[in-house]
Amino acid sequence: MQFILGIIVGAALTLGGAYVHDTGMVHAGPKQPFVNWTTVKTLWPR
């Protein structure tokens, strides 16, 4: 159970970190975003 919870929390932190970086809240790294958020929005199940 802890392993599954760890995977879920790790994935959430990874996606959250990429989103924070790409929205401009962090001003470090390349100018190009890590993730194509338009594609993510079209592929995300509703």
PDB file of N, CA and C in Angstrom:
ATOM      1  N   MET A   1       0.820  -1.192   0.000  1.00  0.00           N
ATOM      2  CA  MET A   1       0.000   0.000   0.000  1.00  0.00           C
ATOM      3  C   MET A   1       0.868   1.261   0.000  1.00  0.00           C
ATOM      4  N   GLN A   2       1.936   1.260   0.790  1.00  0.00           N
ATOM      5  CA  GLN A   2       2.815   2.420   0.840  1.00  0.00           C
ATOM      6  C   GLN A   2       3.517   2.625  -0.498  1.00  0.00           C
ATOM      7  N   PHE A   3       3.823   1.533  -1.175  1.00  0.00           N
ATOM      8  CA  PHE A   3       4.488   1.629  -2.480  1.00  0.00           C
ATOM      9  C   PHE A   3       3.582   2.317  -3.501  1.00  0.00           C
ATOM     10  N   ILE A   4       2.326   1.919  -3.546  1.00  0.00           N
ATOM     11  CA  ILE A   4       1.373   2.527  -4.487  1.00  0.00           C
ATOM     12  C   ILE A   4       1.159   3.998  -4.149  1.00  0.00           C
ATOM     13  N   LEU A   5       1.024   4.300  -2.881  1.00  0.00           N
ATOM     14  CA  LEU A   5       0.862   5.691  -2.457  1.00  0.00           C
ATOM     15  C   LEU A   5       2.093   6.513  -2.836  1.00  0.00           C
ATOM     16  N   GLY A   6       3.278   5.927  -2.687  1.00  0.00           N
ATOM     17  CA  GLY A   6       4.506   6.612  -3.067  1.00  0.00           C
ATOM     18  C   GLY A   6       4.572   6.909  -4.552  1.00  0.00           C
ATOM     19  N   ILE A   7       4.105   5.965  -5.369  1.00  0.00           N
ATOM     20  CA  ILE A   7       4.080   6.186  -6.821  1.00  0.00           C
ATOM     21  C   ILE A   7       3.116   7.314  -7.168  1.00  0.00           C
ATOM     22  N   ILE A   8       1.954   7.327  -6.553  1.00  0.00           N
ATOM     23  CA  ILE A   8       0.959   8.365  -6.829  1.00  0.00           C
ATOM     24  C   ILE A   8       1.470   9.737  -6.392  1.00  0.00           C
ATOM     25  N   VAL A   9       2.051   9.821  -5.224  1.00  0.00           N
ATOM     26  CA  VAL A   9       2.578  11.096  -4.727  1.00  0.00           C
ATOM     27  C   VAL A   9       3.752  11.558  -5.590  1.00  0.00           C
ATOM     28  N   GLY A  10       4.620  10.634  -5.985  1.00  0.00           N
ATOM     29  CA  GLY A  10       5.750  10.985  -6.839  1.00  0.00           C
ATOM     30  C   GLY A  10       5.310  11.516  -8.191  1.00  0.00           C
ATOM     31  N   ALA A  11       4.310  10.876  -8.791  1.00  0.00           N
ATOM     32  CA  ALA A  11       3.795  11.346 -10.083  1.00  0.00           C
ATOM     33  C   ALA A  11       3.153  12.724  -9.939  1.00  0.00           C
ATOM     34  N   ALA A  12       2.415  12.928  -8.862  1.00  0.00           N
ATOM     35  CA  ALA A  12       1.778  14.232  -8.636  1.00  0.00           C
ATOM     36  C   ALA A  12       2.820  15.328  -8.442  1.00  0.00           C
ATOM     37  N   LEU A  13       3.878  15.041  -7.705  1.00  0.00           N
ATOM     38  CA  LEU A  13       4.933  16.037  -7.513  1.00  0.00           C
ATOM     39  C   LEU A  13       5.663  16.338  -8.812  1.00  0.00           C
ATOM     40  N   THR A  14       5.880  15.324  -9.639  1.00  0.00           N
ATOM     41  CA  THR A  14       6.556  15.534 -10.917  1.00  0.00           C
ATOM     42  C   THR A  14       5.715  16.411 -11.834  1.00  0.00           C
ATOM     43  N   LEU A  15       4.439  16.076 -11.988  1.00  0.00           N
ATOM     44  CA  LEU A  15       3.556  16.878 -12.843  1.00  0.00           C
ATOM     45  C   LEU A  15       3.358  18.279 -12.271  1.00  0.00           C
ATOM     46  N   GLY A  16       3.219  18.378 -10.969  1.00  0.00           N
ATOM     47  CA  GLY A  16       3.067  19.691 -10.337  1.00  0.00           C
ATOM     48  C   GLY A  16       4.288  20.565 -10.534  1.00  0.00           C
ATOM     49  N   GLY A  17       5.470  19.977 -10.398  1.00  0.00           N
ATOM     50  CA  GLY A  17       6.702  20.731 -10.607  1.00  0.00           C
ATOM     51  C   GLY A  17       6.852  21.204 -12.039  1.00  0.00           C
ATOM     52  N   ALA A  18       6.501  20.350 -12.996  1.00  0.00           N
ATOM     53  CA  ALA A  18       6.568  20.743 -14.409  1.00  0.00           C
ATOM     54  C   ALA A  18       5.569  21.857 -14.700  1.00  0.00           C
ATOM     55  N   TYR A  19       4.375  21.774 -14.122  1.00  0.00           N
ATOM     56  CA  TYR A  19       3.365  22.812 -14.348  1.00  0.00           C
ATOM     57  C   TYR A  19       3.805  24.152 -13.757  1.00  0.00           C
ATOM     58  N   VAL A  20       4.347  24.115 -12.553  1.00  0.00           N
ATOM     59  CA  VAL A  20       4.810  25.355 -11.912  1.00  0.00           C
ATOM     60  C   VAL A  20       5.936  25.974 -12.735  1.00  0.00           C
ATOM     61  N   HIS A  21       6.836  25.162 -13.231  1.00  0.00           N
ATOM     62  CA  HIS A  21       7.942  25.673 -14.044  1.00  0.00           C
ATOM     63  C   HIS A  21       7.424  26.280 -15.344  1.00  0.00           C
ATOM     64  N   ASP A  22       6.496  25.586 -16.003  1.00  0.00           N
ATOM     65  CA  ASP A  22       6.013  26.026 -17.305  1.00  0.00           C
ATOM     66  C   ASP A  22       5.109  27.247 -17.234  1.00  0.00           C
ATOM     67  N   THR A  23       4.446  27.468 -16.112  1.00  0.00           N
ATOM     68  CA  THR A  23       3.578  28.644 -15.997  1.00  0.00           C
ATOM     69  C   THR A  23       4.351  29.903 -15.670  1.00  0.00           C
ATOM     70  N   GLY A  24       5.651  29.779 -15.454  1.00  0.00           N
ATOM     71  CA  GLY A  24       6.477  30.959 -15.224  1.00  0.00           C
ATOM     72  C   GLY A  24       6.643  31.340 -13.779  1.00  0.00           C
ATOM     73  N   MET A  25       6.191  30.512 -12.854  1.00  0.00           N
ATOM     74  CA  MET A  25       6.373  30.824 -11.442  1.00  0.00           C
ATOM     75  C   MET A  25       7.828  30.662 -11.024  1.00  0.00           C
ATOM     76  N   VAL A  26       8.578  29.861 -11.771  1.00  0.00           N
ATOM     77  CA  VAL A  26       9.997  29.667 -11.526  1.00  0.00           C
ATOM     78  C   VAL A  26      10.729  30.216 -12.737  1.00  0.00           C
ATOM     79  N   HIS A  27      11.672  31.114 -12.540  1.00  0.00           N
ATOM     80  CA  HIS A  27      12.358  31.774 -13.651  1.00  0.00           C
ATOM     81  C   HIS A  27      13.753  31.193 -13.863  1.00  0.00           C
ATOM     82  N   ALA A  28      13.835  29.877 -13.914  1.00  0.00           N
ATOM     83  CA  ALA A  28      15.126  29.223 -14.140  1.00  0.00           C
ATOM     84  C   ALA A  28      14.958  28.207 -15.273  1.00  0.00           C
ATOM     85  N   GLY A  29      16.033  27.911 -15.914  1.00  0.00           N
ATOM     86  CA  GLY A  29      15.994  26.887 -16.954  1.00  0.00           C
ATOM     87  C   GLY A  29      15.683  27.450 -18.324  1.00  0.00           C
ATOM     88  N   PRO A  30      15.350  26.575 -19.266  1.00  0.00           N
ATOM     89  CA  PRO A  30      15.118  27.003 -20.649  1.00  0.00           C
ATOM     90  C   PRO A  30      13.830  27.808 -20.788  1.00  0.00           C
ATOM     91  N   LYS A  31      13.759  28.593 -21.853  1.00  0.00           N
ATOM     92  CA  LYS A  31      12.564  29.400 -22.113  1.00  0.00           C
ATOM     93  C   LYS A  31      11.420  28.553 -22.679  1.00  0.00           C
ATOM     94  N   GLN A  32      11.750  27.397 -23.214  1.00  0.00           N
ATOM     95  CA  GLN A  32      10.749  26.508 -23.794  1.00  0.00           C
ATOM     96  C   GLN A  32      10.128  25.644 -22.691  1.00  0.00           C
ATOM     97  N   PRO A  33       8.804  25.474 -22.686  1.00  0.00           N
ATOM     98  CA  PRO A  33       8.184  24.669 -21.636  1.00  0.00           C
ATOM     99  C   PRO A  33       8.569  23.188 -21.740  1.00  0.00           C
ATOM    100  N   PHE A  34       8.525  22.499 -20.605  1.00  0.00           N
ATOM    101  CA  PHE A  34       8.814  21.070 -20.565  1.00  0.00           C
ATOM    102  C   PHE A  34       7.691  20.255 -21.196  1.00  0.00           C
ATOM    103  N   VAL A  35       6.453  20.685 -21.001  1.00  0.00           N
ATOM    104  CA  VAL A  35       5.276  19.911 -21.392  1.00  0.00           C
ATOM    105  C   VAL A  35       4.431  20.723 -22.357  1.00  0.00           C
ATOM    106  N   ASN A  36       3.888  20.076 -23.374  1.00  0.00           N
ATOM    107  CA  ASN A  36       2.933  20.713 -24.276  1.00  0.00           C
ATOM    108  C   ASN A  36       1.558  20.587 -23.617  1.00  0.00           C
ATOM    109  N   TRP A  37       1.156  21.625 -22.869  1.00  0.00           N
ATOM    110  CA  TRP A  37      -0.061  21.547 -22.066  1.00  0.00           C
ATOM    111  C   TRP A  37      -1.321  21.503 -22.921  1.00  0.00           C
ATOM    112  N   THR A  38      -1.282  22.020 -24.133  1.00  0.00           N
ATOM    113  CA  THR A  38      -2.443  21.940 -25.025  1.00  0.00           C
ATOM    114  C   THR A  38      -2.738  20.482 -25.360  1.00  0.00           C
ATOM    115  N   THR A  39      -1.711  19.718 -25.639  1.00  0.00           N
ATOM    116  CA  THR A  39      -1.888  18.298 -25.932  1.00  0.00           C
ATOM    117  C   THR A  39      -2.363  17.543 -24.698  1.00  0.00           C
ATOM    118  N   VAL A  40      -1.846  17.884 -23.529  1.00  0.00           N
ATOM    119  CA  VAL A  40      -2.277  17.225 -22.309  1.00  0.00           C
ATOM    120  C   VAL A  40      -3.762  17.462 -22.076  1.00  0.00           C
ATOM    121  N   LYS A  41      -4.222  18.698 -22.298  1.00  0.00           N
ATOM    122  CA  LYS A  41      -5.644  19.009 -22.087  1.00  0.00           C
ATOM    123  C   LYS A  41      -6.533  18.231 -23.047  1.00  0.00           C
ATOM    124  N   THR A  42      -6.088  18.014 -24.288  1.00  0.00           N
ATOM    125  CA  THR A  42      -6.921  17.277 -25.247  1.00  0.00           C
ATOM    126  C   THR A  42      -6.931  15.787 -24.948  1.00  0.00           C
ATOM    127  N   LEU A  43      -5.855  15.259 -24.365  1.00  0.00           N
ATOM    128  CA  LEU A  43      -5.771  13.825 -24.085  1.00  0.00           C
ATOM    129  C   LEU A  43      -6.312  13.446 -22.715  1.00  0.00           C
ATOM    130  N   TRP A  44      -6.489  14.418 -21.809  1.00  0.00           N
ATOM    131  CA  TRP A  44      -6.940  14.135 -20.458  1.00  0.00           C
ATOM    132  C   TRP A  44      -8.397  13.669 -20.489  1.00  0.00           C
ATOM    133  N   PRO A  45      -8.702  12.535 -19.839  1.00  0.00           N
ATOM    134  CA  PRO A  45     -10.095  12.056 -19.851  1.00  0.00           C
ATOM    135  C   PRO A  45     -11.011  12.985 -19.072  1.00  0.00           C
ATOM    136  N   ARG A  46     -12.210  13.105 -19.545  1.00  0.00           N
ATOM    137  CA  ARG A  46     -13.177  14.007 -18.891  1.00  0.00           C
ATOM    138  C   ARG A  46     -14.249  13.237 -18.200  1.00  0.00           C
TER     139      ARG A  46
END
